[in-house]
Amino acid sequence: MPTPVESDVLVLLYDVARHMRTYADQMARAHGMTRAQWVILARLERQPDLSQNELAALAEVTPMTIARLIDRLEALGLVKRCMDPKDRRIWRLRLTPAAAPLLGEVKEMRAKLHAVMTKGIDPAVLDTMGVGLRQMKDNVSSQRLAEAAA
């Protein structure tokens, strides 16, 4: 029988997220990258031409953090900054052809992580968990915005 702490959803969410990040970090390092770099590559594949500020907002990090990560990816020849045709102050981010092989590795890593994390969980339960987790994220995000505005 789980103890009250073991069944506390906040503790469980924290523990799962920590284990997931640690495991993802190990997989990314094995490929010579960081988890953050892999997340950026995956995000830019799904949403090309994001600005650095848009990417920072989506990743919930500072624009300076994104700028440093993009600098590294640009130095590796995986990402290029392109001037926005409507506003010269904005840099749009695009993947280069050199990123394609790494994107395949990112997809494999995500599939492996997903398989490890969801082993033995009924798909209907996973769907329900997804709904609940999205609601939790929205709740916390809305509360943070409301408190910041106050």
N, C-alpha and C. Protein backbone atom coordinates (compact mmCIF):
# COMPACT_ATOMS: atom_id res chain seq x y z
N MET A 1 0.85 -1.18 0.00
CA MET A 1 0.00 0.00 0.00
C MET A 1 0.89 1.24 0.00
N PRO A 2 0.69 2.18 -0.96
CA PRO A 2 1.53 3.38 -0.98
C PRO A 2 1.28 4.28 0.23
N THR A 3 2.34 4.92 0.65
CA THR A 3 2.21 5.88 1.75
C THR A 3 1.54 7.14 1.20
N PRO A 4 1.02 8.02 2.08
CA PRO A 4 0.40 9.26 1.59
C PRO A 4 1.34 10.09 0.72
N VAL A 5 2.62 10.12 1.05
CA VAL A 5 3.57 10.89 0.24
C VAL A 5 3.73 10.25 -1.13
N GLU A 6 3.79 8.91 -1.20
CA GLU A 6 3.96 8.22 -2.47
C GLU A 6 2.74 8.39 -3.38
N SER A 7 1.57 8.61 -2.82
CA SER A 7 0.37 8.77 -3.64
C SER A 7 0.02 10.23 -3.86
N ASP A 8 0.78 11.15 -3.34
CA ASP A 8 0.57 12.59 -3.54
C ASP A 8 0.90 12.93 -4.99
N VAL A 9 -0.08 13.41 -5.74
CA VAL A 9 0.10 13.66 -7.17
C VAL A 9 1.22 14.67 -7.44
N LEU A 10 1.38 15.67 -6.59
CA LEU A 10 2.44 16.65 -6.81
C LEU A 10 3.81 16.02 -6.67
N VAL A 11 3.99 15.17 -5.68
CA VAL A 11 5.25 14.47 -5.49
C VAL A 11 5.50 13.54 -6.66
N LEU A 12 4.47 12.82 -7.08
CA LEU A 12 4.61 11.90 -8.21
C LEU A 12 4.97 12.64 -9.49
N LEU A 13 4.30 13.75 -9.77
CA LEU A 13 4.62 14.54 -10.97
C LEU A 13 6.07 15.01 -10.94
N TYR A 14 6.50 15.50 -9.80
CA TYR A 14 7.87 15.97 -9.66
C TYR A 14 8.85 14.83 -9.91
N ASP A 15 8.59 13.67 -9.28
CA ASP A 15 9.50 12.53 -9.43
C ASP A 15 9.55 12.03 -10.87
N VAL A 16 8.39 11.90 -11.52
CA VAL A 16 8.36 11.44 -12.91
C VAL A 16 9.11 12.42 -13.80
N ALA A 17 8.86 13.71 -13.63
CA ALA A 17 9.53 14.71 -14.46
C ALA A 17 11.04 14.68 -14.26
N ARG A 18 11.47 14.52 -13.01
CA ARG A 18 12.91 14.47 -12.73
C ARG A 18 13.54 13.24 -13.37
N HIS A 19 12.91 12.09 -13.21
CA HIS A 19 13.43 10.86 -13.82
C HIS A 19 13.44 10.97 -15.35
N MET A 20 12.39 11.54 -15.91
CA MET A 20 12.31 11.70 -17.36
C MET A 20 13.43 12.60 -17.87
N ARG A 21 13.66 13.73 -17.18
CA ARG A 21 14.73 14.65 -17.59
C ARG A 21 16.10 13.98 -17.48
N THR A 22 16.33 13.26 -16.40
CA THR A 22 17.62 12.59 -16.21
C THR A 22 17.85 11.56 -17.31
N TYR A 23 16.84 10.77 -17.60
CA TYR A 23 16.97 9.74 -18.64
C TYR A 23 17.17 10.39 -20.01
N ALA A 24 16.41 11.44 -20.31
CA ALA A 24 16.54 12.15 -21.59
C ALA A 24 17.92 12.80 -21.69
N ASP A 25 18.42 13.34 -20.59
CA ASP A 25 19.77 13.93 -20.59
C ASP A 25 20.82 12.88 -20.95
N GLN A 26 20.69 11.69 -20.37
CA GLN A 26 21.64 10.62 -20.65
C GLN A 26 21.60 10.23 -22.13
N MET A 27 20.41 10.12 -22.68
CA MET A 27 20.29 9.76 -24.10
C MET A 27 20.85 10.86 -25.00
N ALA A 28 20.56 12.10 -24.68
CA ALA A 28 21.07 13.21 -25.50
C ALA A 28 22.59 13.29 -25.43
N ARG A 29 23.15 13.15 -24.21
CA ARG A 29 24.61 13.20 -24.07
C ARG A 29 25.28 12.08 -24.84
N ALA A 30 24.64 10.93 -24.92
CA ALA A 30 25.20 9.81 -25.67
C ALA A 30 25.32 10.14 -27.16
N HIS A 31 24.57 11.16 -27.60
CA HIS A 31 24.63 11.60 -28.99
C HIS A 31 25.35 12.95 -29.13
N GLY A 32 26.03 13.36 -28.07
CA GLY A 32 26.83 14.59 -28.13
C GLY A 32 26.04 15.88 -28.09
N MET A 33 24.82 15.82 -27.56
CA MET A 33 23.98 17.01 -27.51
C MET A 33 23.46 17.17 -26.09
N THR A 34 22.74 18.26 -25.87
CA THR A 34 22.04 18.43 -24.60
C THR A 34 20.54 18.24 -24.87
N ARG A 35 19.81 17.93 -23.82
CA ARG A 35 18.36 17.77 -23.94
C ARG A 35 17.74 19.07 -24.46
N ALA A 36 18.21 20.20 -23.98
CA ALA A 36 17.66 21.49 -24.41
C ALA A 36 17.87 21.69 -25.92
N GLN A 37 19.03 21.30 -26.42
CA GLN A 37 19.29 21.44 -27.86
C GLN A 37 18.36 20.53 -28.66
N TRP A 38 18.13 19.32 -28.17
CA TRP A 38 17.23 18.39 -28.86
C TRP A 38 15.81 18.94 -28.87
N VAL A 39 15.39 19.53 -27.76
CA VAL A 39 14.04 20.10 -27.68
C VAL A 39 13.89 21.23 -28.69
N ILE A 40 14.91 22.06 -28.82
CA ILE A 40 14.86 23.17 -29.78
C ILE A 40 14.78 22.63 -31.20
N LEU A 41 15.60 21.65 -31.53
CA LEU A 41 15.54 21.07 -32.87
C LEU A 41 14.17 20.49 -33.17
N ALA A 42 13.60 19.76 -32.21
CA ALA A 42 12.27 19.16 -32.41
C ALA A 42 11.21 20.25 -32.57
N ARG A 43 11.31 21.31 -31.77
CA ARG A 43 10.33 22.40 -31.84
C ARG A 43 10.42 23.10 -33.19
N LEU A 44 11.64 23.36 -33.67
CA LEU A 44 11.80 24.05 -34.94
C LEU A 44 11.38 23.18 -36.13
N GLU A 45 11.46 21.87 -35.95
CA GLU A 45 10.97 20.99 -37.02
C GLU A 45 9.45 21.13 -37.11
N ARG A 46 8.78 21.18 -35.96
CA ARG A 46 7.32 21.29 -35.94
C ARG A 46 6.85 22.70 -36.26
N GLN A 47 7.64 23.70 -35.85
CA GLN A 47 7.24 25.09 -36.05
C GLN A 47 8.40 25.90 -36.61
N PRO A 48 8.68 25.74 -37.91
CA PRO A 48 9.79 26.50 -38.50
C PRO A 48 9.51 28.00 -38.50
N ASP A 49 10.58 28.75 -38.55
CA ASP A 49 10.53 30.21 -38.64
C ASP A 49 10.04 30.90 -37.38
N LEU A 50 10.16 30.23 -36.24
CA LEU A 50 9.89 30.92 -34.98
C LEU A 50 10.97 31.98 -34.76
N SER A 51 10.61 33.04 -34.08
CA SER A 51 11.63 34.01 -33.67
C SER A 51 12.26 33.49 -32.38
N GLN A 52 13.41 34.04 -32.03
CA GLN A 52 14.05 33.65 -30.78
C GLN A 52 13.14 33.93 -29.60
N ASN A 53 12.45 35.06 -29.61
CA ASN A 53 11.56 35.40 -28.50
C ASN A 53 10.37 34.45 -28.43
N GLU A 54 9.81 34.08 -29.58
CA GLU A 54 8.71 33.12 -29.59
C GLU A 54 9.16 31.77 -29.03
N LEU A 55 10.35 31.35 -29.45
CA LEU A 55 10.89 30.08 -28.96
C LEU A 55 11.14 30.14 -27.46
N ALA A 56 11.67 31.25 -26.99
CA ALA A 56 11.91 31.41 -25.55
C ALA A 56 10.60 31.33 -24.77
N ALA A 57 9.54 31.97 -25.29
CA ALA A 57 8.25 31.92 -24.61
C ALA A 57 7.69 30.51 -24.58
N LEU A 58 7.80 29.80 -25.69
CA LEU A 58 7.30 28.42 -25.74
C LEU A 58 8.09 27.51 -24.80
N ALA A 59 9.39 27.74 -24.72
CA ALA A 59 10.24 26.91 -23.85
C ALA A 59 10.22 27.39 -22.40
N GLU A 60 9.59 28.54 -22.17
CA GLU A 60 9.50 29.15 -20.85
C GLU A 60 10.88 29.38 -20.23
N VAL A 61 11.76 29.95 -21.06
CA VAL A 61 13.09 30.36 -20.60
C VAL A 61 13.32 31.79 -21.08
N THR A 62 14.39 32.40 -20.59
CA THR A 62 14.68 33.78 -20.98
C THR A 62 15.19 33.84 -22.41
N PRO A 63 14.98 34.97 -23.07
CA PRO A 63 15.53 35.13 -24.42
C PRO A 63 17.06 34.95 -24.47
N MET A 64 17.75 35.33 -23.39
CA MET A 64 19.21 35.14 -23.36
C MET A 64 19.58 33.66 -23.36
N THR A 65 18.82 32.85 -22.65
CA THR A 65 19.07 31.41 -22.62
C THR A 65 18.89 30.83 -24.01
N ILE A 66 17.81 31.19 -24.67
CA ILE A 66 17.57 30.70 -26.04
C ILE A 66 18.68 31.19 -26.97
N ALA A 67 19.09 32.44 -26.82
CA ALA A 67 20.14 32.98 -27.69
C ALA A 67 21.42 32.16 -27.57
N ARG A 68 21.80 31.79 -26.34
CA ARG A 68 23.02 30.99 -26.14
C ARG A 68 22.87 29.61 -26.75
N LEU A 69 21.70 29.00 -26.57
CA LEU A 69 21.47 27.67 -27.15
C LEU A 69 21.49 27.73 -28.68
N ILE A 70 20.87 28.75 -29.23
CA ILE A 70 20.87 28.92 -30.69
C ILE A 70 22.29 29.19 -31.19
N ASP A 71 23.07 29.98 -30.44
CA ASP A 71 24.48 30.21 -30.82
C ASP A 71 25.21 28.89 -30.99
N ARG A 72 25.01 27.97 -30.03
CA ARG A 72 25.69 26.67 -30.09
C ARG A 72 25.20 25.84 -31.27
N LEU A 73 23.89 25.84 -31.48
CA LEU A 73 23.34 25.07 -32.60
C LEU A 73 23.76 25.66 -33.94
N GLU A 74 23.88 26.97 -33.98
CA GLU A 74 24.33 27.64 -35.21
C GLU A 74 25.80 27.30 -35.47
N ALA A 75 26.62 27.27 -34.42
CA ALA A 75 28.04 26.92 -34.56
C ALA A 75 28.20 25.48 -35.05
N LEU A 76 27.25 24.62 -34.71
CA LEU A 76 27.28 23.23 -35.17
C LEU A 76 26.72 23.08 -36.59
N GLY A 77 26.21 24.18 -37.12
CA GLY A 77 25.65 24.16 -38.47
C GLY A 77 24.27 23.53 -38.56
N LEU A 78 23.54 23.51 -37.45
CA LEU A 78 22.23 22.85 -37.41
C LEU A 78 21.07 23.83 -37.54
N VAL A 79 21.31 25.08 -37.16
CA VAL A 79 20.27 26.11 -37.18
C VAL A 79 20.87 27.36 -37.82
N LYS A 80 20.03 28.08 -38.55
CA LYS A 80 20.49 29.38 -39.06
C LYS A 80 19.47 30.44 -38.70
N ARG A 81 19.99 31.62 -38.47
CA ARG A 81 19.15 32.78 -38.19
C ARG A 81 18.91 33.49 -39.51
N CYS A 82 17.64 33.80 -39.77
CA CYS A 82 17.28 34.50 -40.98
C CYS A 82 16.52 35.76 -40.59
N MET A 83 16.85 36.85 -41.25
CA MET A 83 16.20 38.11 -40.94
C MET A 83 14.73 38.05 -41.33
N ASP A 84 13.87 38.55 -40.47
CA ASP A 84 12.44 38.62 -40.76
C ASP A 84 12.23 39.68 -41.83
N PRO A 85 11.55 39.34 -42.93
CA PRO A 85 11.38 40.32 -44.01
C PRO A 85 10.53 41.53 -43.61
N LYS A 86 9.73 41.38 -42.56
CA LYS A 86 8.86 42.49 -42.13
C LYS A 86 9.48 43.34 -41.02
N ASP A 87 10.47 42.79 -40.33
CA ASP A 87 11.08 43.51 -39.20
C ASP A 87 12.53 43.06 -39.06
N ARG A 88 13.46 43.95 -39.43
CA ARG A 88 14.88 43.60 -39.43
C ARG A 88 15.44 43.33 -38.04
N ARG A 89 14.71 43.69 -37.01
CA ARG A 89 15.18 43.45 -35.64
C ARG A 89 14.94 42.01 -35.19
N ILE A 90 14.12 41.28 -35.93
CA ILE A 90 13.73 39.93 -35.53
C ILE A 90 14.48 38.89 -36.35
N TRP A 91 15.00 37.90 -35.65
CA TRP A 91 15.64 36.76 -36.31
C TRP A 91 14.69 35.58 -36.31
N ARG A 92 14.45 35.01 -37.48
CA ARG A 92 13.66 33.79 -37.60
C ARG A 92 14.63 32.61 -37.63
N LEU A 93 14.23 31.52 -37.01
CA LEU A 93 15.11 30.36 -36.87
C LEU A 93 14.67 29.25 -37.82
N ARG A 94 15.65 28.71 -38.53
CA ARG A 94 15.38 27.62 -39.46
C ARG A 94 16.42 26.53 -39.28
N LEU A 95 15.97 25.31 -39.44
CA LEU A 95 16.90 24.18 -39.41
C LEU A 95 17.65 24.13 -40.73
N THR A 96 18.89 23.67 -40.67
CA THR A 96 19.66 23.45 -41.88
C THR A 96 19.53 21.98 -42.28
N PRO A 97 19.92 21.64 -43.49
CA PRO A 97 19.88 20.22 -43.89
C PRO A 97 20.72 19.33 -42.98
N ALA A 98 21.75 19.89 -42.36
CA ALA A 98 22.60 19.09 -41.46
C ALA A 98 21.85 18.61 -40.23
N ALA A 99 20.72 19.22 -39.93
CA ALA A 99 19.94 18.82 -38.74
C ALA A 99 19.12 17.56 -38.99
N ALA A 100 18.89 17.20 -40.25
CA ALA A 100 18.02 16.06 -40.57
C ALA A 100 18.43 14.77 -39.88
N PRO A 101 19.71 14.37 -39.91
CA PRO A 101 20.07 13.12 -39.23
C PRO A 101 19.82 13.18 -37.72
N LEU A 102 20.07 14.32 -37.12
CA LEU A 102 19.82 14.46 -35.68
C LEU A 102 18.34 14.41 -35.36
N LEU A 103 17.51 14.94 -36.25
CA LEU A 103 16.07 14.89 -36.02
C LEU A 103 15.58 13.45 -36.01
N GLY A 104 16.19 12.60 -36.83
CA GLY A 104 15.86 11.18 -36.78
C GLY A 104 16.21 10.58 -35.43
N GLU A 105 17.37 10.98 -34.90
CA GLU A 105 17.78 10.50 -33.58
C GLU A 105 16.85 11.03 -32.49
N VAL A 106 16.42 12.28 -32.63
CA VAL A 106 15.49 12.86 -31.65
C VAL A 106 14.18 12.06 -31.66
N LYS A 107 13.69 11.74 -32.83
CA LYS A 107 12.45 10.95 -32.92
C LYS A 107 12.63 9.58 -32.28
N GLU A 108 13.78 8.95 -32.53
CA GLU A 108 14.04 7.65 -31.92
C GLU A 108 14.11 7.78 -30.39
N MET A 109 14.78 8.83 -29.91
CA MET A 109 14.90 9.05 -28.48
C MET A 109 13.52 9.26 -27.85
N ARG A 110 12.70 10.08 -28.51
CA ARG A 110 11.35 10.34 -27.99
C ARG A 110 10.53 9.06 -27.95
N ALA A 111 10.64 8.25 -28.99
CA ALA A 111 9.89 7.00 -29.04
C ALA A 111 10.36 6.06 -27.93
N LYS A 112 11.66 5.99 -27.71
CA LYS A 112 12.19 5.12 -26.65
C LYS A 112 11.74 5.62 -25.28
N LEU A 113 11.86 6.93 -25.06
CA LEU A 113 11.44 7.51 -23.78
C LEU A 113 9.95 7.27 -23.55
N HIS A 114 9.16 7.47 -24.59
CA HIS A 114 7.72 7.24 -24.47
C HIS A 114 7.43 5.78 -24.12
N ALA A 115 8.11 4.86 -24.80
CA ALA A 115 7.90 3.44 -24.54
C ALA A 115 8.28 3.07 -23.11
N VAL A 116 9.40 3.61 -22.64
CA VAL A 116 9.85 3.32 -21.28
C VAL A 116 8.85 3.88 -20.27
N MET A 117 8.42 5.11 -20.49
CA MET A 117 7.55 5.77 -19.52
C MET A 117 6.14 5.19 -19.48
N THR A 118 5.65 4.71 -20.60
CA THR A 118 4.25 4.30 -20.66
C THR A 118 4.06 2.78 -20.63
N LYS A 119 5.15 2.05 -20.44
CA LYS A 119 5.08 0.59 -20.40
C LYS A 119 4.06 0.15 -19.35
N GLY A 120 3.12 -0.71 -19.77
CA GLY A 120 2.14 -1.26 -18.86
C GLY A 120 0.96 -0.36 -18.55
N ILE A 121 0.87 0.80 -19.20
CA ILE A 121 -0.25 1.72 -18.95
C ILE A 121 -1.23 1.63 -20.13
N ASP A 122 -2.48 1.39 -19.82
CA ASP A 122 -3.52 1.28 -20.83
C ASP A 122 -3.61 2.60 -21.63
N PRO A 123 -3.75 2.52 -22.97
CA PRO A 123 -3.85 3.74 -23.78
C PRO A 123 -4.98 4.68 -23.34
N ALA A 124 -6.10 4.13 -22.89
CA ALA A 124 -7.19 4.99 -22.42
C ALA A 124 -6.78 5.77 -21.18
N VAL A 125 -6.00 5.14 -20.32
CA VAL A 125 -5.50 5.82 -19.12
C VAL A 125 -4.54 6.93 -19.54
N LEU A 126 -3.68 6.65 -20.53
CA LEU A 126 -2.75 7.68 -21.02
C LEU A 126 -3.52 8.87 -21.59
N ASP A 127 -4.59 8.61 -22.32
CA ASP A 127 -5.40 9.71 -22.86
C ASP A 127 -5.97 10.56 -21.72
N THR A 128 -6.49 9.91 -20.71
CA THR A 128 -7.05 10.62 -19.56
C THR A 128 -5.97 11.40 -18.83
N MET A 129 -4.81 10.78 -18.67
CA MET A 129 -3.70 11.48 -18.02
C MET A 129 -3.33 12.73 -18.81
N GLY A 130 -3.30 12.62 -20.14
CA GLY A 130 -2.97 13.77 -20.99
C GLY A 130 -3.94 14.92 -20.79
N VAL A 131 -5.23 14.60 -20.73
CA VAL A 131 -6.25 15.62 -20.49
C VAL A 131 -6.01 16.29 -19.14
N GLY A 132 -5.79 15.48 -18.12
CA GLY A 132 -5.57 16.02 -16.78
C GLY A 132 -4.30 16.86 -16.69
N LEU A 133 -3.23 16.39 -17.29
CA LEU A 133 -1.96 17.14 -17.23
C LEU A 133 -2.06 18.46 -17.99
N ARG A 134 -2.74 18.46 -19.15
CA ARG A 134 -2.92 19.73 -19.87
C ARG A 134 -3.72 20.72 -19.03
N GLN A 135 -4.75 20.22 -18.35
CA GLN A 135 -5.55 21.10 -17.49
C GLN A 135 -4.71 21.65 -16.34
N MET A 136 -3.90 20.78 -15.74
CA MET A 136 -3.01 21.24 -14.66
C MET A 136 -2.07 22.32 -15.16
N LYS A 137 -1.49 22.10 -16.34
CA LYS A 137 -0.58 23.09 -16.92
C LYS A 137 -1.30 24.41 -17.14
N ASP A 138 -2.50 24.35 -17.72
CA ASP A 138 -3.29 25.57 -17.95
C ASP A 138 -3.61 26.27 -16.64
N ASN A 139 -4.00 25.49 -15.62
CA ASN A 139 -4.34 26.08 -14.33
C ASN A 139 -3.17 26.83 -13.72
N VAL A 140 -2.01 26.18 -13.70
CA VAL A 140 -0.83 26.80 -13.08
C VAL A 140 -0.38 28.01 -13.91
N SER A 141 -0.38 27.86 -15.23
CA SER A 141 0.02 28.97 -16.10
C SER A 141 -0.91 30.17 -15.92
N SER A 142 -2.21 29.93 -15.89
CA SER A 142 -3.17 31.02 -15.69
C SER A 142 -2.98 31.71 -14.35
N GLN A 143 -2.75 30.92 -13.32
CA GLN A 143 -2.55 31.48 -11.99
C GLN A 143 -1.28 32.34 -11.94
N ARG A 144 -0.21 31.83 -12.56
CA ARG A 144 1.05 32.61 -12.58
C ARG A 144 0.85 33.94 -13.31
N LEU A 145 0.15 33.89 -14.44
CA LEU A 145 -0.11 35.13 -15.18
C LEU A 145 -0.96 36.10 -14.37
N ALA A 146 -1.98 35.58 -13.71
CA ALA A 146 -2.84 36.43 -12.89
C ALA A 146 -2.07 37.06 -11.75
N GLU A 147 -1.22 36.29 -11.11
CA GLU A 147 -0.42 36.83 -10.00
C GLU A 147 0.61 37.83 -10.50
N ALA A 148 1.18 37.59 -11.66
CA ALA A 148 2.15 38.53 -12.22
C ALA A 148 1.49 39.85 -12.61
N ALA A 149 0.26 39.77 -13.06
CA ALA A 149 -0.48 40.99 -13.46
C ALA A 149 -0.95 41.79 -12.26
N ALA A 150 -1.12 41.12 -11.12
CA ALA A 150 -1.64 41.80 -9.93
C ALA A 150 -0.60 42.67 -9.24
